[in-house]
Amino acid sequence: MNNKASQTLKDNLVYLILLLLFLLADGYFVWSQFSGASTWADYHAKETSRIINLASPGDNVTLDIHKATVVAQKNGLKDFQKEIFQVDNQNNELCFKLSLGRKTCYHFFNDVDIINDHIELAYTINRESKNVLRFNVVEVQRA
């Protein structure tokens, strides 16, 4: 009997360890989503891609990204100009990165280039200080 009880205890211990590993992995995922970085990065990438798809060459775009900069600051990003927003004109792709881990990228289909992209901190809109993303949409400059 003792051998049978010992085997049952070992089997249950394996299941308990697997359950603990699963709960730790699940908890880590929930904790990483708690800051909202991936949600806000996804939102800004989709909306910016949509705006670029609707833009014409010669358009100057200004977007309010204040919430994105607040989330990025909470997640430890230091250099807003280089880390939050990136454009790859060769592949028609734009990316937002609001946490140290990963970035969210989307393609735009409009055959244009994005130039002069920069973030202005503390830009005044309707008497409120906001952080904005500015860029120019131009005709394709690739050879």
Foldseek 3Di string as FASTA:
>chain_A
DVVVVVVVVVVVVVVVVVVVVVVVVVVVVVVVCVLVLVVLFVVVQVVVLVVLLVDDAFDKDKAFCQVLVVSLVVQPDDDCFPAAWDADLVQQKIWGGRHPPDIDMDHHDPQWDKPPWGWDFQDDDPNGGTIMIIIGTHHDPDD
